[in-house]
Amino acid sequence: MILSIENNSILCEQSGKFLWTLDIDKLKVVGEFTTTAGPWNNDWFLVFADKSNEWFEVPFEASSKQFWSRLSQKVNQELIPGLAASVTYASRVIYPKELVGKGLFRLTSLGENLSANQQQIAGLNEVNVEFTNQVKDLFS
């Protein structure tokens, strides 16, 4: 997967085929999140959203310094991903400026009312993912 910027759009392509495109003028939030899937699987992802109930995510490796430089110019803000060393579930906003560093997602375990032991026995290691309230407010 490769992210690029053409005209005023973020493009995501894989093997020469476009997977999605997003108009930068409609971009509400850019963020990142990590999982516990590493080090052998992708565990660092980027998120781009223009709607509250839909977002695009790609592995961090799809981006480049040139991509971040061009996107920073387009949104008039330096965009700096910062979760490279995270080995747990974590998320943060990269854009817009007023939310940089705040949580992007609210993660809740499907068995959040159970002890860790009970969750393990029941096999409940799945999580629900939704934007935080601060991020949801960007779409209203």
N, C-alpha and C. Protein backbone atom coordinates (compact mmCIF):
# COMPACT_ATOMS: atom_id res chain seq x y z
N MET A 1 0.83 -1.17 0.00
CA MET A 1 0.00 0.00 0.00
C MET A 1 0.88 1.25 0.00
N ILE A 2 0.44 2.25 -0.73
CA ILE A 2 1.20 3.50 -0.82
C ILE A 2 0.23 4.67 -0.72
N LEU A 3 0.57 5.63 0.12
CA LEU A 3 -0.18 6.88 0.22
C LEU A 3 0.52 7.95 -0.59
N SER A 4 -0.25 8.76 -1.29
CA SER A 4 0.32 9.88 -2.03
C SER A 4 -0.69 11.02 -2.03
N ILE A 5 -0.22 12.17 -2.50
CA ILE A 5 -1.08 13.35 -2.61
C ILE A 5 -1.05 13.80 -4.06
N GLU A 6 -2.22 13.93 -4.63
CA GLU A 6 -2.35 14.46 -5.99
C GLU A 6 -3.40 15.55 -5.95
N ASN A 7 -3.02 16.69 -6.50
CA ASN A 7 -3.89 17.87 -6.46
C ASN A 7 -4.29 18.13 -5.01
N ASN A 8 -5.55 17.95 -4.68
CA ASN A 8 -5.98 18.21 -3.30
C ASN A 8 -6.60 16.96 -2.67
N SER A 9 -6.06 15.78 -3.03
CA SER A 9 -6.61 14.53 -2.53
C SER A 9 -5.51 13.61 -2.00
N ILE A 10 -5.88 12.85 -0.97
CA ILE A 10 -5.04 11.76 -0.49
C ILE A 10 -5.45 10.53 -1.28
N LEU A 11 -4.48 9.86 -1.86
CA LEU A 11 -4.75 8.65 -2.63
C LEU A 11 -4.09 7.46 -1.95
N CYS A 12 -4.78 6.35 -1.92
CA CYS A 12 -4.22 5.11 -1.40
C CYS A 12 -4.28 4.08 -2.51
N GLU A 13 -3.14 3.51 -2.83
CA GLU A 13 -3.13 2.51 -3.89
C GLU A 13 -2.32 1.29 -3.47
N GLN A 14 -2.66 0.18 -4.09
CA GLN A 14 -1.95 -1.07 -3.84
C GLN A 14 -1.83 -1.80 -5.16
N SER A 15 -0.63 -2.21 -5.48
CA SER A 15 -0.37 -2.93 -6.73
C SER A 15 -0.93 -2.20 -7.95
N GLY A 16 -0.79 -0.86 -7.94
CA GLY A 16 -1.22 -0.07 -9.09
C GLY A 16 -2.71 0.21 -9.16
N LYS A 17 -3.48 -0.26 -8.18
CA LYS A 17 -4.92 -0.02 -8.17
C LYS A 17 -5.28 0.92 -7.02
N PHE A 18 -6.16 1.89 -7.31
CA PHE A 18 -6.59 2.83 -6.28
C PHE A 18 -7.60 2.15 -5.37
N LEU A 19 -7.33 2.22 -4.06
CA LEU A 19 -8.25 1.64 -3.07
C LEU A 19 -9.25 2.67 -2.58
N TRP A 20 -8.76 3.89 -2.37
CA TRP A 20 -9.63 4.98 -1.93
C TRP A 20 -8.95 6.32 -2.17
N THR A 21 -9.78 7.36 -2.18
CA THR A 21 -9.29 8.72 -2.29
C THR A 21 -10.10 9.60 -1.34
N LEU A 22 -9.47 10.62 -0.80
CA LEU A 22 -10.14 11.49 0.17
C LEU A 22 -9.75 12.93 -0.11
N ASP A 23 -10.74 13.77 -0.26
CA ASP A 23 -10.54 15.20 -0.53
C ASP A 23 -9.97 15.86 0.74
N ILE A 24 -8.81 16.46 0.65
CA ILE A 24 -8.14 17.07 1.80
C ILE A 24 -8.99 18.20 2.39
N ASP A 25 -9.74 18.92 1.56
CA ASP A 25 -10.59 20.00 2.08
C ASP A 25 -11.70 19.48 3.00
N LYS A 26 -12.07 18.22 2.86
CA LYS A 26 -13.12 17.63 3.69
C LYS A 26 -12.56 16.86 4.89
N LEU A 27 -11.25 16.77 4.99
CA LEU A 27 -10.59 16.02 6.05
C LEU A 27 -10.89 16.64 7.41
N LYS A 28 -11.41 15.84 8.32
CA LYS A 28 -11.73 16.31 9.67
C LYS A 28 -10.68 15.89 10.68
N VAL A 29 -10.14 14.68 10.52
CA VAL A 29 -9.18 14.17 11.50
C VAL A 29 -8.18 13.23 10.83
N VAL A 30 -6.93 13.34 11.29
CA VAL A 30 -5.87 12.40 10.95
C VAL A 30 -5.35 11.89 12.28
N GLY A 31 -5.19 10.61 12.38
CA GLY A 31 -4.71 10.04 13.63
C GLY A 31 -3.90 8.79 13.40
N GLU A 32 -3.54 8.18 14.50
CA GLU A 32 -2.77 6.95 14.44
C GLU A 32 -3.18 6.07 15.61
N PHE A 33 -2.98 4.78 15.43
CA PHE A 33 -3.21 3.86 16.54
C PHE A 33 -2.27 2.67 16.42
N THR A 34 -2.03 2.04 17.54
CA THR A 34 -1.19 0.85 17.59
C THR A 34 -1.96 -0.28 18.23
N THR A 35 -1.51 -1.49 17.92
CA THR A 35 -2.10 -2.69 18.50
C THR A 35 -0.98 -3.54 19.11
N THR A 36 -1.34 -4.68 19.61
CA THR A 36 -0.35 -5.59 20.19
C THR A 36 0.09 -6.66 19.18
N ALA A 37 -0.21 -6.48 17.91
CA ALA A 37 0.05 -7.50 16.90
C ALA A 37 1.52 -7.62 16.51
N GLY A 38 2.35 -6.61 16.79
CA GLY A 38 3.76 -6.64 16.37
C GLY A 38 4.56 -7.62 17.18
N PRO A 39 5.79 -7.85 16.87
CA PRO A 39 6.56 -7.16 15.83
C PRO A 39 6.48 -7.80 14.45
N TRP A 40 5.88 -8.97 14.31
CA TRP A 40 5.88 -9.64 13.01
C TRP A 40 4.72 -9.25 12.13
N ASN A 41 3.70 -8.66 12.69
CA ASN A 41 2.55 -8.18 11.92
C ASN A 41 2.45 -6.67 12.05
N ASN A 42 1.71 -6.05 11.14
CA ASN A 42 1.48 -4.61 11.24
C ASN A 42 0.82 -4.30 12.58
N ASP A 43 1.37 -3.30 13.26
CA ASP A 43 0.80 -2.92 14.56
C ASP A 43 0.71 -1.41 14.72
N TRP A 44 0.98 -0.66 13.64
CA TRP A 44 0.93 0.81 13.69
C TRP A 44 0.16 1.27 12.46
N PHE A 45 -0.95 1.96 12.68
CA PHE A 45 -1.85 2.33 11.60
C PHE A 45 -2.16 3.82 11.60
N LEU A 46 -2.46 4.32 10.42
CA LEU A 46 -2.88 5.71 10.24
C LEU A 46 -4.37 5.73 9.93
N VAL A 47 -5.04 6.79 10.36
CA VAL A 47 -6.48 6.93 10.17
C VAL A 47 -6.75 8.30 9.54
N PHE A 48 -7.62 8.31 8.53
CA PHE A 48 -8.03 9.54 7.86
C PHE A 48 -9.55 9.51 7.80
N ALA A 49 -10.20 10.59 8.25
CA ALA A 49 -11.67 10.59 8.27
C ALA A 49 -12.24 11.93 7.85
N ASP A 50 -13.33 11.82 7.10
CA ASP A 50 -14.11 13.01 6.75
C ASP A 50 -15.56 12.85 7.20
N LYS A 51 -15.89 11.68 7.75
CA LYS A 51 -17.24 11.39 8.25
C LYS A 51 -17.12 10.73 9.61
N SER A 52 -18.11 10.96 10.46
CA SER A 52 -18.04 10.45 11.82
C SER A 52 -18.18 8.94 11.91
N ASN A 53 -18.83 8.32 10.95
CA ASN A 53 -19.08 6.89 11.04
C ASN A 53 -18.24 6.08 10.05
N GLU A 54 -17.22 6.70 9.48
CA GLU A 54 -16.41 6.02 8.47
C GLU A 54 -15.01 6.60 8.48
N TRP A 55 -14.03 5.76 8.43
CA TRP A 55 -12.66 6.22 8.32
C TRP A 55 -11.87 5.25 7.47
N PHE A 56 -10.76 5.74 6.95
CA PHE A 56 -9.84 4.93 6.17
C PHE A 56 -8.61 4.68 7.03
N GLU A 57 -8.14 3.45 7.04
CA GLU A 57 -6.92 3.16 7.80
C GLU A 57 -5.95 2.39 6.93
N VAL A 58 -4.68 2.68 7.15
CA VAL A 58 -3.61 2.02 6.41
C VAL A 58 -2.45 1.78 7.36
N PRO A 59 -1.64 0.75 7.09
CA PRO A 59 -0.43 0.58 7.90
C PRO A 59 0.48 1.80 7.75
N PHE A 60 1.17 2.15 8.81
CA PHE A 60 2.05 3.32 8.78
C PHE A 60 3.05 3.22 7.63
N GLU A 61 3.51 2.03 7.33
CA GLU A 61 4.51 1.83 6.27
C GLU A 61 4.06 2.34 4.91
N ALA A 62 2.75 2.59 4.75
CA ALA A 62 2.25 3.11 3.48
C ALA A 62 2.62 4.58 3.28
N SER A 63 3.03 5.24 4.35
CA SER A 63 3.36 6.67 4.26
C SER A 63 4.86 6.85 4.05
N SER A 64 5.23 8.07 3.68
CA SER A 64 6.63 8.42 3.47
C SER A 64 6.87 9.83 4.00
N LYS A 65 8.12 10.22 4.11
CA LYS A 65 8.44 11.59 4.53
C LYS A 65 7.83 12.60 3.56
N GLN A 66 7.88 12.28 2.27
CA GLN A 66 7.32 13.18 1.25
C GLN A 66 5.81 13.31 1.45
N PHE A 67 5.13 12.21 1.73
CA PHE A 67 3.69 12.27 1.97
C PHE A 67 3.38 13.20 3.14
N TRP A 68 4.08 13.03 4.29
CA TRP A 68 3.82 13.86 5.46
C TRP A 68 4.15 15.32 5.20
N SER A 69 5.20 15.58 4.45
CA SER A 69 5.57 16.95 4.13
C SER A 69 4.49 17.61 3.27
N ARG A 70 4.02 16.91 2.25
CA ARG A 70 3.00 17.49 1.36
C ARG A 70 1.67 17.68 2.09
N LEU A 71 1.27 16.69 2.92
CA LEU A 71 0.01 16.81 3.64
C LEU A 71 0.10 17.95 4.66
N SER A 72 1.25 18.08 5.31
CA SER A 72 1.46 19.19 6.26
C SER A 72 1.27 20.53 5.57
N GLN A 73 1.82 20.68 4.36
CA GLN A 73 1.65 21.91 3.61
C GLN A 73 0.18 22.16 3.27
N LYS A 74 -0.51 21.11 2.88
CA LYS A 74 -1.92 21.26 2.46
C LYS A 74 -2.82 21.69 3.61
N VAL A 75 -2.53 21.21 4.84
CA VAL A 75 -3.40 21.55 5.98
C VAL A 75 -2.81 22.67 6.84
N ASN A 76 -1.68 23.23 6.40
CA ASN A 76 -1.02 24.34 7.12
C ASN A 76 -0.72 24.00 8.58
N GLN A 77 -0.22 22.79 8.79
CA GLN A 77 0.12 22.35 10.13
C GLN A 77 1.15 21.22 10.00
N GLU A 78 2.20 21.26 10.82
CA GLU A 78 3.16 20.17 10.80
C GLU A 78 2.53 18.94 11.42
N LEU A 79 2.54 17.85 10.66
CA LEU A 79 1.94 16.60 11.11
C LEU A 79 3.06 15.63 11.50
N ILE A 80 3.03 15.19 12.75
CA ILE A 80 4.11 14.34 13.26
C ILE A 80 3.54 13.11 13.95
N PRO A 81 3.59 11.95 13.29
CA PRO A 81 3.18 10.72 13.97
C PRO A 81 4.11 10.45 15.15
N GLY A 82 3.58 9.84 16.21
CA GLY A 82 4.40 9.68 17.41
C GLY A 82 4.22 8.40 18.19
N LEU A 83 3.63 7.37 17.61
CA LEU A 83 3.42 6.13 18.36
C LEU A 83 4.34 4.99 17.94
N ALA A 84 5.46 5.30 17.33
CA ALA A 84 6.35 4.26 16.80
C ALA A 84 6.78 3.24 17.84
N ALA A 85 7.01 3.65 19.05
CA ALA A 85 7.53 2.73 20.07
C ALA A 85 6.45 2.07 20.91
N SER A 86 5.20 2.32 20.62
CA SER A 86 4.11 1.76 21.42
C SER A 86 3.97 0.27 21.16
N VAL A 87 3.78 -0.50 22.22
CA VAL A 87 3.60 -1.94 22.09
C VAL A 87 2.25 -2.39 22.65
N THR A 88 1.40 -1.42 22.97
CA THR A 88 0.08 -1.72 23.48
C THR A 88 -0.95 -1.01 22.62
N TYR A 89 -2.22 -1.19 22.94
CA TYR A 89 -3.26 -0.42 22.26
C TYR A 89 -3.09 1.04 22.66
N ALA A 90 -2.94 1.90 21.66
CA ALA A 90 -2.81 3.33 21.91
C ALA A 90 -3.35 4.05 20.68
N SER A 91 -3.82 5.26 20.87
CA SER A 91 -4.26 6.06 19.73
C SER A 91 -4.07 7.53 20.06
N ARG A 92 -3.88 8.32 19.01
CA ARG A 92 -3.73 9.77 19.21
C ARG A 92 -4.08 10.50 17.93
N VAL A 93 -4.50 11.75 18.12
CA VAL A 93 -4.82 12.63 17.00
C VAL A 93 -3.54 13.32 16.53
N ILE A 94 -3.38 13.42 15.22
CA ILE A 94 -2.26 14.14 14.60
C ILE A 94 -2.75 15.46 14.01
N TYR A 95 -4.01 15.50 13.60
CA TYR A 95 -4.65 16.69 13.02
C TYR A 95 -6.12 16.60 13.35
N PRO A 96 -6.76 17.69 13.75
CA PRO A 96 -6.38 19.10 13.72
C PRO A 96 -5.57 19.51 14.96
N LYS A 97 -4.97 20.68 14.82
CA LYS A 97 -4.04 21.21 15.82
C LYS A 97 -4.62 21.22 17.23
N GLU A 98 -5.90 21.59 17.36
CA GLU A 98 -6.47 21.72 18.71
C GLU A 98 -6.61 20.38 19.44
N LEU A 99 -6.47 19.27 18.72
CA LEU A 99 -6.58 17.96 19.38
C LEU A 99 -5.31 17.12 19.31
N VAL A 100 -4.22 17.70 18.80
CA VAL A 100 -2.98 16.93 18.67
C VAL A 100 -2.59 16.31 20.01
N GLY A 101 -2.31 15.01 19.96
CA GLY A 101 -1.89 14.29 21.15
C GLY A 101 -3.03 13.72 21.99
N LYS A 102 -4.24 14.16 21.73
CA LYS A 102 -5.41 13.62 22.45
C LYS A 102 -5.75 12.25 21.87
N GLY A 103 -6.54 11.49 22.61
CA GLY A 103 -6.94 10.18 22.14
C GLY A 103 -7.81 10.25 20.89
N LEU A 104 -7.55 9.36 19.96
CA LEU A 104 -8.35 9.27 18.73
C LEU A 104 -9.54 8.34 18.94
N PHE A 105 -9.26 7.18 19.51
CA PHE A 105 -10.28 6.16 19.70
C PHE A 105 -10.53 5.88 21.17
N ARG A 106 -11.73 5.47 21.43
CA ARG A 106 -12.09 4.92 22.73
C ARG A 106 -12.21 3.42 22.51
N LEU A 107 -11.40 2.67 23.22
CA LEU A 107 -11.40 1.21 23.08
C LEU A 107 -12.07 0.61 24.31
N THR A 108 -13.03 -0.24 24.09
CA THR A 108 -13.67 -0.93 25.21
C THR A 108 -13.67 -2.42 24.93
N SER A 109 -13.31 -3.17 25.91
CA SER A 109 -13.31 -4.62 25.79
C SER A 109 -14.73 -5.12 25.78
N LEU A 110 -14.98 -6.15 24.99
CA LEU A 110 -16.31 -6.73 24.97
C LEU A 110 -16.66 -7.33 26.32
N GLY A 111 -15.64 -7.64 27.12
CA GLY A 111 -15.87 -8.20 28.44
C GLY A 111 -15.39 -7.26 29.53
N GLU A 112 -15.58 -5.95 29.32
CA GLU A 112 -14.99 -4.96 30.24
C GLU A 112 -15.50 -5.08 31.67
N ASN A 113 -16.63 -5.71 31.89
CA ASN A 113 -17.14 -5.87 33.26
C ASN A 113 -16.64 -7.14 33.91
N LEU A 114 -15.77 -7.88 33.20
CA LEU A 114 -15.21 -9.11 33.74
C LEU A 114 -13.76 -8.88 34.15
N SER A 115 -13.26 -9.70 35.05
CA SER A 115 -11.85 -9.63 35.42
C SER A 115 -11.00 -10.11 34.24
N ALA A 116 -9.71 -9.81 34.27
CA ALA A 116 -8.81 -10.25 33.20
C ALA A 116 -8.84 -11.77 33.07
N ASN A 117 -8.90 -12.48 34.21
CA ASN A 117 -8.97 -13.94 34.20
C ASN A 117 -10.25 -14.43 33.52
N GLN A 118 -11.37 -13.82 33.86
CA GLN A 118 -12.64 -14.21 33.27
C GLN A 118 -12.65 -13.92 31.76
N GLN A 119 -12.05 -12.80 31.36
CA GLN A 119 -11.98 -12.47 29.94
C GLN A 119 -11.16 -13.51 29.19
N GLN A 120 -10.03 -13.91 29.79
CA GLN A 120 -9.16 -14.89 29.15
C GLN A 120 -9.89 -16.23 29.01
N ILE A 121 -10.57 -16.66 30.07
CA ILE A 121 -11.30 -17.93 30.03
C ILE A 121 -12.39 -17.89 28.98
N ALA A 122 -13.08 -16.77 28.89
CA ALA A 122 -14.18 -16.62 27.92
C ALA A 122 -13.68 -16.31 26.52
N GLY A 123 -12.38 -16.05 26.37
CA GLY A 123 -11.83 -15.72 25.06
C GLY A 123 -12.22 -14.34 24.58
N LEU A 124 -12.46 -13.42 25.51
CA LEU A 124 -12.90 -12.07 25.15
C LEU A 124 -11.72 -11.11 25.08
N ASN A 125 -10.95 -11.21 24.03
CA ASN A 125 -9.86 -10.26 23.84
C ASN A 125 -10.18 -9.28 22.72
N GLU A 126 -11.42 -9.29 22.26
CA GLU A 126 -11.87 -8.36 21.23
C GLU A 126 -12.21 -7.02 21.86
N VAL A 127 -12.10 -5.96 21.07
CA VAL A 127 -12.44 -4.63 21.56
C VAL A 127 -13.38 -3.92 20.59
N ASN A 128 -14.21 -3.06 21.14
CA ASN A 128 -15.02 -2.15 20.33
C ASN A 128 -14.19 -0.88 20.14
N VAL A 129 -14.25 -0.31 18.95
CA VAL A 129 -13.49 0.89 18.64
C VAL A 129 -14.45 1.97 18.17
N GLU A 130 -14.35 3.15 18.77
CA GLU A 130 -15.12 4.30 18.33
C GLU A 130 -14.31 5.56 18.58
N PHE A 131 -14.62 6.62 17.82
CA PHE A 131 -13.94 7.88 18.05
C PHE A 131 -14.25 8.38 19.47
N THR A 132 -13.28 9.08 20.06
CA THR A 132 -13.53 9.71 21.35
C THR A 132 -14.56 10.82 21.16
N ASN A 133 -15.14 11.28 22.24
CA ASN A 133 -16.14 12.35 22.16
C ASN A 133 -15.55 13.62 21.56
N GLN A 134 -14.29 13.94 21.91
CA GLN A 134 -13.66 15.14 21.34
C GLN A 134 -13.55 15.04 19.83
N VAL A 135 -13.22 13.86 19.33
CA VAL A 135 -13.12 13.67 17.89
C VAL A 135 -14.52 13.69 17.26
N LYS A 136 -15.49 13.05 17.89
CA LYS A 136 -16.86 13.09 17.38
C LYS A 136 -17.36 14.51 17.21
N ASP A 137 -16.97 15.39 18.13
CA ASP A 137 -17.40 16.80 18.07
C ASP A 137 -16.92 17.50 16.79
N LEU A 138 -15.84 17.02 16.19
CA LEU A 138 -15.33 17.62 14.95
C LEU A 138 -16.32 17.48 13.79
N PHE A 139 -17.18 16.49 13.89
CA PHE A 139 -18.10 16.18 12.78
C PHE A 139 -19.46 16.86 12.94
N SER A 140 -19.66 17.58 14.05
CA SER A 140 -20.99 18.21 14.23
C SER A 140 -21.00 19.64 13.78
